[in-house]
Amino acid sequence: ISEVLRLHERMSRKEAWNRSIEMLKMVGIPAPERRVLEYPHQLSG
């Protein structure tokens, strides 16, 4: 998610990472601070 933000929104690494957590929260993913660190195969469908 950070990569998209840094590419199009010119955000710093830290800003983009924080926005990624916000985005996961917005789409209803519980414990987003933990989920951002996970890989796709660790998530359910």
All heavy atoms as atom14 arrays in JSON, in Angstrom:
{
  "sequence": "ISEVLRLHERMSRKEAWNRSIEMLKMVGIPAPERRVLEYPHQLSG",
  "atom14_mask": [
    [1, 1, 1, 1, 1, 1, 1, 1, 0, 0, 0, 0, 0, 0],
    [1, 1, 1, 1, 1, 1, 0, 0, 0, 0, 0, 0, 0, 0],
    [1, 1, 1, 1, 1, 1, 1, 1, 1, 0, 0, 0, 0, 0],
    [1, 1, 1, 1, 1, 1, 1, 0, 0, 0, 0, 0, 0, 0],
    [1, 1, 1, 1, 1, 1, 1, 1, 0, 0, 0, 0, 0, 0],
    [1, 1, 1, 1, 1, 1, 1, 1, 1, 1, 1, 0, 0, 0],
    [1, 1, 1, 1, 1, 1, 1, 1, 0, 0, 0, 0, 0, 0],
    [1, 1, 1, 1, 1, 1, 1, 1, 1, 1, 0, 0, 0, 0],
    [1, 1, 1, 1, 1, 1, 1, 1, 1, 0, 0, 0, 0, 0],
    [1, 1, 1, 1, 1, 1, 1, 1, 1, 1, 1, 0, 0, 0],
    [1, 1, 1, 1, 1, 1, 1, 1, 0, 0, 0, 0, 0, 0],
    [1, 1, 1, 1, 1, 1, 0, 0, 0, 0, 0, 0, 0, 0],
    [1, 1, 1, 1, 1, 1, 1, 1, 1, 1, 1, 0, 0, 0],
    [1, 1, 1, 1, 1, 1, 1, 1, 1, 0, 0, 0, 0, 0],
    [1, 1, 1, 1, 1, 1, 1, 1, 1, 0, 0, 0, 0, 0],
    [1, 1, 1, 1, 1, 0, 0, 0, 0, 0, 0, 0, 0, 0],
    [1, 1, 1, 1, 1, 1, 1, 1, 1, 1, 1, 1, 1, 1],
    [1, 1, 1, 1, 1, 1, 1, 1, 0, 0, 0, 0, 0, 0],
    [1, 1, 1, 1, 1, 1, 1, 1, 1, 1, 1, 0, 0, 0],
    [1, 1, 1, 1, 1, 1, 0, 0, 0, 0, 0, 0, 0, 0],
    [1, 1, 1, 1, 1, 1, 1, 1, 0, 0, 0, 0, 0, 0],
    [1, 1, 1, 1, 1, 1, 1, 1, 1, 0, 0, 0, 0, 0],
    [1, 1, 1, 1, 1, 1, 1, 1, 0, 0, 0, 0, 0, 0],
    [1, 1, 1, 1, 1, 1, 1, 1, 0, 0, 0, 0, 0, 0],
    [1, 1, 1, 1, 1, 1, 1, 1, 1, 0, 0, 0, 0, 0],
    [1, 1, 1, 1, 1, 1, 1, 1, 0, 0, 0, 0, 0, 0],
    [1, 1, 1, 1, 1, 1, 1, 0, 0, 0, 0, 0, 0, 0],
    [1, 1, 1, 1, 0, 0, 0, 0, 0, 0, 0, 0, 0, 0],
    [1, 1, 1, 1, 1, 1, 1, 1, 0, 0, 0, 0, 0, 0],
    [1, 1, 1, 1, 1, 1, 1, 0, 0, 0, 0, 0, 0, 0],
    [1, 1, 1, 1, 1, 0, 0, 0, 0, 0, 0, 0, 0, 0],
    [1, 1, 1, 1, 1, 1, 1, 0, 0, 0, 0, 0, 0, 0],
    [1, 1, 1, 1, 1, 1, 1, 1, 1, 0, 0, 0, 0, 0],
    [1, 1, 1, 1, 1, 1, 1, 1, 1, 1, 1, 0, 0, 0],
    [1, 1, 1, 1, 1, 1, 1, 1, 1, 1, 1, 0, 0, 0],
    [1, 1, 1, 1, 1, 1, 1, 0, 0, 0, 0, 0, 0, 0],
    [1, 1, 1, 1, 1, 1, 1, 1, 0, 0, 0, 0, 0, 0],
    [1, 1, 1, 1, 1, 1, 1, 1, 1, 0, 0, 0, 0, 0],
    [1, 1, 1, 1, 1, 1, 1, 1, 1, 1, 1, 1, 0, 0],
    [1, 1, 1, 1, 1, 1, 1, 0, 0, 0, 0, 0, 0, 0],
    [1, 1, 1, 1, 1, 1, 1, 1, 1, 1, 0, 0, 0, 0],
    [1, 1, 1, 1, 1, 1, 1, 1, 1, 0, 0, 0, 0, 0],
    [1, 1, 1, 1, 1, 1, 1, 1, 0, 0, 0, 0, 0, 0],
    [1, 1, 1, 1, 1, 1, 0, 0, 0, 0, 0, 0, 0, 0],
    [1, 1, 1, 1, 0, 0, 0, 0, 0, 0, 0, 0, 0, 0]
  ],
  "atom14_positions": [
    [[0.86, -1.19, 0.0], [0.0, 0.0, 0.0], [0.89, 1.24, 0.0], [0.64, 2.21, -0.72], [-0.96, -0.01, 1.21], [-1.84, -1.26, 1.18], [-1.83, 1.25, 1.21], [-2.72, -1.45, 2.39], [0.0, 0.0, 0.0], [0.0, 0.0, 0.0], [0.0, 0.0, 0.0], [0.0, 0.0, 0.0], [0.0, 0.0, 0.0], [0.0, 0.0, 0.0]],
    [[1.97, 1.2, 0.79], [2.91, 2.34, 0.85], [3.47, 2.69, -0.52], [3.63, 3.86, -0.86], [4.08, 2.03, 1.78], [3.64, 1.88, 3.1], [0.0, 0.0, 0.0], [0.0, 0.0, 0.0], [0.0, 0.0, 0.0], [0.0, 0.0, 0.0], [0.0, 0.0, 0.0], [0.0, 0.0, 0.0], [0.0, 0.0, 0.0], [0.0, 0.0, 0.0]],
    [[3.76, 1.64, -1.3], [4.39, 1.87, -2.6], [3.49, 2.73, -3.5], [3.95, 3.66, -4.16], [4.67, 0.53, -3.28], [5.48, 0.69, -4.55], [5.55, -0.59, -5.37], [4.8, -1.55, -5.07], [6.35, -0.62, -6.31], [0.0, 0.0, 0.0], [0.0, 0.0, 0.0], [0.0, 0.0, 0.0], [0.0, 0.0, 0.0], [0.0, 0.0, 0.0]],
    [[2.18, 2.43, -3.48], [1.23, 3.2, -4.29], [1.24, 4.66, -3.83], [1.25, 5.59, -4.64], [-0.2, 2.62, -4.12], [-1.21, 3.39, -4.96], [-0.23, 1.15, -4.51], [0.0, 0.0, 0.0], [0.0, 0.0, 0.0], [0.0, 0.0, 0.0], [0.0, 0.0, 0.0], [0.0, 0.0, 0.0], [0.0, 0.0, 0.0], [0.0, 0.0, 0.0]],
    [[1.25, 4.85, -2.52], [1.19, 6.21, -1.96], [2.47, 6.98, -2.27], [2.43, 8.17, -2.58], [0.98, 6.14, -0.45], [-0.42, 5.66, -0.04], [-0.43, 5.21, 1.41], [-1.46, 6.76, -0.26], [0.0, 0.0, 0.0], [0.0, 0.0, 0.0], [0.0, 0.0, 0.0], [0.0, 0.0, 0.0], [0.0, 0.0, 0.0], [0.0, 0.0, 0.0]],
    [[3.61, 6.31, -2.18], [4.88, 7.01, -2.43], [5.03, 7.34, -3.9], [5.59, 8.36, -4.26], [6.03, 6.16, -1.91], [5.97, 6.05, -0.36], [7.09, 5.26, 0.21], [8.37, 5.92, -0.07], [9.54, 5.3, -0.06], [9.6, 4.01, 0.21], [10.65, 5.95, -0.32], [0.0, 0.0, 0.0], [0.0, 0.0, 0.0], [0.0, 0.0, 0.0]],
    [[4.5, 6.46, -4.74], [4.57, 6.7, -6.18], [3.71, 7.89, -6.59], [4.15, 8.78, -7.31], [4.1, 5.43, -6.92], [4.04, 5.51, -8.44], [5.44, 5.59, -9.03], [3.3, 4.31, -9.02], [0.0, 0.0, 0.0], [0.0, 0.0, 0.0], [0.0, 0.0, 0.0], [0.0, 0.0, 0.0], [0.0, 0.0, 0.0], [0.0, 0.0, 0.0]],
    [[2.44, 7.9, -6.12], [1.51, 8.9, -6.63], [1.37, 10.13, -5.73], [1.04, 11.2, -6.18], [0.12, 8.28, -6.81], [0.05, 7.29, -7.92], [0.27, 7.63, -9.23], [-0.22, 5.96, -7.92], [0.14, 6.55, -10.0], [-0.16, 5.53, -9.23], [0.0, 0.0, 0.0], [0.0, 0.0, 0.0], [0.0, 0.0, 0.0], [0.0, 0.0, 0.0]],
    [[1.58, 9.95, -4.42], [1.31, 11.06, -3.5], [2.59, 11.69, -2.94], [2.54, 12.57, -2.1], [0.45, 10.57, -2.31], [-0.86, 9.9, -2.7], [-1.97, 10.9, -3.0], [-1.71, 12.11, -2.88], [-3.08, 10.48, -3.35], [0.0, 0.0, 0.0], [0.0, 0.0, 0.0], [0.0, 0.0, 0.0], [0.0, 0.0, 0.0], [0.0, 0.0, 0.0]],
    [[3.74, 11.17, -3.4], [5.03, 11.72, -2.96], [5.15, 11.79, -1.43], [5.57, 12.8, -0.88], [5.24, 13.14, -3.52], [5.12, 13.24, -5.03], [6.49, 13.32, -5.67], [6.43, 13.5, -7.11], [6.39, 12.49, -7.99], [6.38, 11.24, -7.56], [6.36, 12.72, -9.28], [0.0, 0.0, 0.0], [0.0, 0.0, 0.0], [0.0, 0.0, 0.0]],
    [[4.73, 10.73, -0.75], [4.8, 10.73, 0.72], [6.14, 10.16, 1.17], [6.77, 9.38, 0.45], [3.71, 9.83, 1.31], [2.33, 10.4, 1.22], [1.19, 9.29, 2.08], [-0.3, 10.25, 1.96], [0.0, 0.0, 0.0], [0.0, 0.0, 0.0], [0.0, 0.0, 0.0], [0.0, 0.0, 0.0], [0.0, 0.0, 0.0], [0.0, 0.0, 0.0]],
    [[6.52, 10.52, 2.38], [7.72, 9.89, 2.96], [7.36, 8.46, 3.35], [6.19, 8.12, 3.47], [8.17, 10.65, 4.2], [7.25, 10.41, 5.25], [0.0, 0.0, 0.0], [0.0, 0.0, 0.0], [0.0, 0.0, 0.0], [0.0, 0.0, 0.0], [0.0, 0.0, 0.0], [0.0, 0.0, 0.0], [0.0, 0.0, 0.0], [0.0, 0.0, 0.0]],
    [[8.4, 7.66, 3.59], [8.18, 6.26, 3.97], [7.27, 6.16, 5.19], [6.35, 5.36, 5.24], [9.55, 5.63, 4.26], [9.55, 4.14, 4.39], [10.97, 3.61, 4.5], [11.65, 3.64, 3.2], [11.61, 2.62, 2.32], [10.94, 1.53, 2.6], [12.25, 2.7, 1.17], [0.0, 0.0, 0.0], [0.0, 0.0, 0.0], [0.0, 0.0, 0.0]],
    [[7.55, 7.03, 6.19], [6.8, 6.94, 7.44], [5.34, 7.37, 7.25], [4.42, 6.7, 7.73], [7.47, 7.81, 8.51], [6.79, 7.73, 9.86], [7.8, 7.86, 11.0], [7.14, 7.85, 12.38], [6.03, 6.89, 12.5], [0.0, 0.0, 0.0], [0.0, 0.0, 0.0], [0.0, 0.0, 0.0], [0.0, 0.0, 0.0], [0.0, 0.0, 0.0]],
    [[5.14, 8.46, 6.52], [3.77, 8.93, 6.24], [2.97, 7.84, 5.53], [1.82, 7.56, 5.86], [3.79, 10.16, 5.32], [4.16, 11.46, 5.97], [4.3, 12.57, 4.9], [4.88, 12.32, 3.82], [3.81, 13.67, 5.17], [0.0, 0.0, 0.0], [0.0, 0.0, 0.0], [0.0, 0.0, 0.0], [0.0, 0.0, 0.0], [0.0, 0.0, 0.0]],
    [[3.62, 7.24, 4.53], [2.93, 6.23, 3.73], [2.58, 5.02, 4.59], [1.5, 4.44, 4.46], [3.81, 5.82, 2.55], [0.0, 0.0, 0.0], [0.0, 0.0, 0.0], [0.0, 0.0, 0.0], [0.0, 0.0, 0.0], [0.0, 0.0, 0.0], [0.0, 0.0, 0.0], [0.0, 0.0, 0.0], [0.0, 0.0, 0.0], [0.0, 0.0, 0.0]],
    [[3.5, 4.64, 5.48], [3.25, 3.48, 6.34], [2.06, 3.77, 7.27], [1.18, 2.92, 7.43], [4.51, 3.17, 7.14], [4.41, 1.88, 7.91], [4.07, 1.73, 9.21], [4.61, 0.56, 7.39], [4.06, 0.39, 9.56], [4.39, -0.35, 8.45], [4.97, 0.05, 6.13], [4.51, -1.74, 8.3], [5.09, -1.33, 5.98], [4.86, -2.21, 7.05]],
    [[2.03, 4.98, 7.83], [0.91, 5.33, 8.73], [-0.41, 5.36, 7.97], [-1.44, 4.93, 8.48], [1.17, 6.67, 9.42], [2.29, 6.55, 10.45], [2.58, 5.45, 10.94], [2.94, 7.65, 10.76], [0.0, 0.0, 0.0], [0.0, 0.0, 0.0], [0.0, 0.0, 0.0], [0.0, 0.0, 0.0], [0.0, 0.0, 0.0], [0.0, 0.0, 0.0]],
    [[-0.36, 5.89, 6.73], [-1.59, 5.94, 5.93], [-2.04, 4.51, 5.6], [-3.23, 4.23, 5.55], [-1.36, 6.76, 4.66], [-2.47, 6.66, 3.63], [-3.73, 7.45, 3.97], [-3.55, 8.85, 3.64], [-3.73, 9.39, 2.42], [-4.1, 8.64, 1.42], [-3.52, 10.67, 2.24], [0.0, 0.0, 0.0], [0.0, 0.0, 0.0], [0.0, 0.0, 0.0]],
    [[-1.1, 3.6, 5.4], [-1.45, 2.21, 5.1], [-2.23, 1.6, 6.26], [-3.22, 0.88, 6.05], [-0.21, 1.37, 4.83], [0.52, 1.93, 3.76], [0.0, 0.0, 0.0], [0.0, 0.0, 0.0], [0.0, 0.0, 0.0], [0.0, 0.0, 0.0], [0.0, 0.0, 0.0], [0.0, 0.0, 0.0], [0.0, 0.0, 0.0], [0.0, 0.0, 0.0]],
    [[-1.8, 1.91, 7.46], [-2.51, 1.4, 8.65], [-3.93, 1.98, 8.69], [-4.9, 1.26, 8.91], [-1.74, 1.75, 9.94], [-0.39, 0.99, 9.95], [-2.56, 1.4, 11.19], [0.56, 1.36, 11.07], [0.0, 0.0, 0.0], [0.0, 0.0, 0.0], [0.0, 0.0, 0.0], [0.0, 0.0, 0.0], [0.0, 0.0, 0.0], [0.0, 0.0, 0.0]],
    [[-4.04, 3.28, 8.41], [-5.36, 3.92, 8.37], [-6.26, 3.28, 7.33], [-7.45, 3.07, 7.56], [-5.22, 5.4, 7.96], [-4.98, 6.37, 9.08], [-4.61, 7.75, 8.52], [-5.31, 8.23, 7.59], [-3.61, 8.33, 8.97], [0.0, 0.0, 0.0], [0.0, 0.0, 0.0], [0.0, 0.0, 0.0], [0.0, 0.0, 0.0], [0.0, 0.0, 0.0]],
    [[-5.68, 2.98, 6.16], [-6.48, 2.39, 5.08], [-7.0, 1.01, 5.48], [-8.15, 0.68, 5.24], [-5.63, 2.25, 3.8], [-5.24, 3.54, 3.11], [-6.62, 4.63, 2.68], [-7.57, 3.6, 1.58], [0.0, 0.0, 0.0], [0.0, 0.0, 0.0], [0.0, 0.0, 0.0], [0.0, 0.0, 0.0], [0.0, 0.0, 0.0], [0.0, 0.0, 0.0]],
    [[-6.14, 0.21, 6.12], [-6.58, -1.13, 6.54], [-7.7, -1.03, 7.58], [-8.62, -1.83, 7.6], [-5.41, -1.94, 7.1], [-4.34, -2.37, 6.1], [-3.28, -3.23, 6.78], [-4.94, -3.14, 4.92], [0.0, 0.0, 0.0], [0.0, 0.0, 0.0], [0.0, 0.0, 0.0], [0.0, 0.0, 0.0], [0.0, 0.0, 0.0], [0.0, 0.0, 0.0]],
    [[-7.57, 0.0, 8.43], [-8.6, 0.22, 9.43], [-9.92, 0.6, 8.74], [-10.99, 0.11, 9.09], [-8.13, 1.35, 10.36], [-8.91, 1.47, 11.64], [-8.16, 2.44, 12.54], [-8.95, 2.78, 13.79], [-8.16, 3.72, 14.61], [0.0, 0.0, 0.0], [0.0, 0.0, 0.0], [0.0, 0.0, 0.0], [0.0, 0.0, 0.0], [0.0, 0.0, 0.0]],
    [[-9.8, 1.46, 7.74], [-10.98, 1.95, 7.03], [-11.74, 0.81, 6.35], [-12.97, 0.82, 6.28], [-10.57, 2.99, 5.99], [-11.72, 3.68, 5.33], [-11.15, 4.97, 4.22], [-10.83, 4.02, 2.76], [0.0, 0.0, 0.0], [0.0, 0.0, 0.0], [0.0, 0.0, 0.0], [0.0, 0.0, 0.0], [0.0, 0.0, 0.0], [0.0, 0.0, 0.0]],
    [[-11.03, -0.19, 5.83], [-11.72, -1.3, 5.17], [-12.09, -2.41, 6.15], [-12.47, -3.51, 5.76], [-10.91, -1.88, 3.98], [-10.71, -0.83, 2.91], [-9.58, -2.45, 4.44], [0.0, 0.0, 0.0], [0.0, 0.0, 0.0], [0.0, 0.0, 0.0], [0.0, 0.0, 0.0], [0.0, 0.0, 0.0], [0.0, 0.0, 0.0], [0.0, 0.0, 0.0]],
    [[-11.96, -2.1, 7.45], [-12.48, -3.03, 8.46], [-11.59, -4.21, 8.77], [-12.06, -5.28, 9.15], [0.0, 0.0, 0.0], [0.0, 0.0, 0.0], [0.0, 0.0, 0.0], [0.0, 0.0, 0.0], [0.0, 0.0, 0.0], [0.0, 0.0, 0.0], [0.0, 0.0, 0.0], [0.0, 0.0, 0.0], [0.0, 0.0, 0.0], [0.0, 0.0, 0.0]],
    [[-10.28, -4.05, 8.61], [-9.36, -5.13, 9.01], [-8.99, -4.92, 10.47], [-8.46, -3.87, 10.83], [-8.11, -5.15, 8.1], [-8.52, -5.65, 6.72], [-7.01, -6.01, 8.69], [-7.39, -5.85, 5.73], [0.0, 0.0, 0.0], [0.0, 0.0, 0.0], [0.0, 0.0, 0.0], [0.0, 0.0, 0.0], [0.0, 0.0, 0.0], [0.0, 0.0, 0.0]],
    [[-9.26, -5.91, 11.33], [-8.93, -5.74, 12.75], [-7.41, -5.76, 12.98], [-6.67, -6.32, 12.18], [-9.6, -6.95, 13.43], [-9.89, -7.92, 12.34], [-9.93, -7.18, 11.04], [0.0, 0.0, 0.0], [0.0, 0.0, 0.0], [0.0, 0.0, 0.0], [0.0, 0.0, 0.0], [0.0, 0.0, 0.0], [0.0, 0.0, 0.0], [0.0, 0.0, 0.0]],
    [[-6.99, -5.11, 14.05], [-5.56, -5.01, 14.41], [-4.69, -4.63, 13.22], [-3.73, -5.32, 12.87], [-5.07, -6.34, 15.01], [0.0, 0.0, 0.0], [0.0, 0.0, 0.0], [0.0, 0.0, 0.0], [0.0, 0.0, 0.0], [0.0, 0.0, 0.0], [0.0, 0.0, 0.0], [0.0, 0.0, 0.0], [0.0, 0.0, 0.0], [0.0, 0.0, 0.0]],
    [[-5.0, -3.48, 12.55], [-4.26, -3.12, 11.33], [-2.77, -2.91, 11.57], [-1.97, -3.16, 10.68], [-4.95, -1.83, 10.88], [-5.68, -1.3, 12.06], [-6.05, -2.49, 12.88], [0.0, 0.0, 0.0], [0.0, 0.0, 0.0], [0.0, 0.0, 0.0], [0.0, 0.0, 0.0], [0.0, 0.0, 0.0], [0.0, 0.0, 0.0], [0.0, 0.0, 0.0]],
    [[-2.39, -2.48, 12.79], [-0.96, -2.25, 13.06], [-0.19, -3.56, 12.92], [0.99, -3.56, 12.56], [-0.73, -1.71, 14.48], [-1.38, -0.38, 14.79], [-2.89, -0.5, 15.08], [-3.42, -1.65, 15.14], [-3.52, 0.56, 15.23], [0.0, 0.0, 0.0], [0.0, 0.0, 0.0], [0.0, 0.0, 0.0], [0.0, 0.0, 0.0], [0.0, 0.0, 0.0]],
    [[-0.87, -4.68, 13.21], [-0.2, -5.96, 13.09], [-0.28, -6.48, 11.65], [0.66, -7.05, 11.11], [-0.85, -6.96, 14.05], [0.04, -8.17, 14.33], [-0.58, -9.11, 15.34], [-1.63, -9.93, 14.75], [-2.88, -10.0, 15.22], [-3.24, -9.3, 16.28], [-3.78, -10.77, 14.63], [0.0, 0.0, 0.0], [0.0, 0.0, 0.0], [0.0, 0.0, 0.0]],
    [[-1.44, -6.25, 11.03], [-1.67, -6.79, 9.67], [-0.76, -6.18, 8.62], [-0.42, -6.84, 7.64], [-3.13, -6.56, 9.25], [-4.13, -7.32, 10.09], [-4.06, -8.8, 9.84], [-5.14, -9.5, 10.52], [-5.32, -10.8, 10.51], [-4.45, -11.56, 9.88], [-6.32, -11.35, 11.15], [0.0, 0.0, 0.0], [0.0, 0.0, 0.0], [0.0, 0.0, 0.0]],
    [[-0.38, -4.9, 8.81], [0.5, -4.29, 7.79], [1.82, -5.05, 7.66], [2.47, -4.99, 6.62], [0.85, -2.8, 8.08], [-0.22, -1.87, 7.61], [1.22, -2.57, 9.53], [0.0, 0.0, 0.0], [0.0, 0.0, 0.0], [0.0, 0.0, 0.0], [0.0, 0.0, 0.0], [0.0, 0.0, 0.0], [0.0, 0.0, 0.0], [0.0, 0.0, 0.0]],
    [[2.19, -5.74, 8.72], [3.48, -6.45, 8.71], [3.36, -7.84, 8.09], [4.36, -8.53, 7.89], [4.01, -6.59, 10.14], [4.3, -5.26, 10.84], [4.43, -5.44, 12.35], [5.55, -4.62, 10.26], [0.0, 0.0, 0.0], [0.0, 0.0, 0.0], [0.0, 0.0, 0.0], [0.0, 0.0, 0.0], [0.0, 0.0, 0.0], [0.0, 0.0, 0.0]],
    [[2.12, -8.26, 7.8], [1.93, -9.63, 7.31], [2.04, -9.71, 5.79], [1.97, -8.7, 5.1], [0.57, -10.16, 7.78], [0.55, -10.33, 9.3], [-0.7, -11.03, 9.82], [-1.69, -11.14, 9.07], [-0.68, -11.47, 10.98], [0.0, 0.0, 0.0], [0.0, 0.0, 0.0], [0.0, 0.0, 0.0], [0.0, 0.0, 0.0], [0.0, 0.0, 0.0]],
    [[2.21, -10.94, 5.33], [2.29, -11.21, 3.89], [0.93, -11.73, 3.41], [0.17, -12.28, 4.21], [3.38, -12.26, 3.63], [4.76, -11.73, 3.94], [5.3, -11.84, 5.23], [5.51, -11.1, 2.95], [6.55, -11.31, 5.53], [6.77, -10.57, 3.24], [7.28, -10.68, 4.53], [8.51, -10.16, 4.81], [0.0, 0.0, 0.0], [0.0, 0.0, 0.0]],
    [[0.63, -11.58, 2.12], [-0.69, -11.98, 1.63], [-1.13, -13.38, 2.06], [-2.29, -13.58, 2.41], [-0.53, -11.88, 0.1], [0.45, -10.77, -0.09], [1.42, -10.91, 1.05], [0.0, 0.0, 0.0], [0.0, 0.0, 0.0], [0.0, 0.0, 0.0], [0.0, 0.0, 0.0], [0.0, 0.0, 0.0], [0.0, 0.0, 0.0], [0.0, 0.0, 0.0]],
    [[-0.21, -14.35, 2.04], [-0.65, -15.72, 2.36], [-1.07, -15.87, 3.81], [-1.69, -16.87, 4.18], [0.45, -16.74, 2.0], [1.64, -16.66, 2.92], [2.75, -15.9, 2.61], [1.87, -17.21, 4.14], [3.62, -16.01, 3.6], [3.12, -16.8, 4.54], [0.0, 0.0, 0.0], [0.0, 0.0, 0.0], [0.0, 0.0, 0.0], [0.0, 0.0, 0.0]],
    [[-0.74, -14.87, 4.65], [-1.13, -14.97, 6.06], [-2.56, -14.47, 6.29], [-3.08, -14.6, 7.39], [-0.14, -14.18, 6.92], [1.26, -14.8, 6.92], [2.27, -13.91, 7.65], [2.72, -12.89, 7.13], [2.61, -14.29, 8.86], [0.0, 0.0, 0.0], [0.0, 0.0, 0.0], [0.0, 0.0, 0.0], [0.0, 0.0, 0.0], [0.0, 0.0, 0.0]],
    [[-3.16, -13.89, 5.26], [-4.52, -13.36, 5.42], [-5.53, -14.33, 4.81], [-5.22, -15.04, 3.86], [-4.64, -12.01, 4.69], [-3.67, -10.89, 5.05], [-3.97, -9.66, 4.19], [-3.79, -10.52, 6.52], [0.0, 0.0, 0.0], [0.0, 0.0, 0.0], [0.0, 0.0, 0.0], [0.0, 0.0, 0.0], [0.0, 0.0, 0.0], [0.0, 0.0, 0.0]],
    [[-6.75, -14.31, 5.34], [-7.83, -15.11, 4.75], [-8.26, -14.45, 3.43], [-7.92, -13.31, 3.16], [-9.02, -15.13, 5.7], [-9.59, -13.82, 5.75], [0.0, 0.0, 0.0], [0.0, 0.0, 0.0], [0.0, 0.0, 0.0], [0.0, 0.0, 0.0], [0.0, 0.0, 0.0], [0.0, 0.0, 0.0], [0.0, 0.0, 0.0], [0.0, 0.0, 0.0]],
    [[-9.07, -15.18, 2.65], [-9.55, -14.65, 1.37], [-10.26, -13.32, 1.51], [-9.99, -12.37, 0.77], [0.0, 0.0, 0.0], [0.0, 0.0, 0.0], [0.0, 0.0, 0.0], [0.0, 0.0, 0.0], [0.0, 0.0, 0.0], [0.0, 0.0, 0.0], [0.0, 0.0, 0.0], [0.0, 0.0, 0.0], [0.0, 0.0, 0.0], [0.0, 0.0, 0.0]]
  ]
}
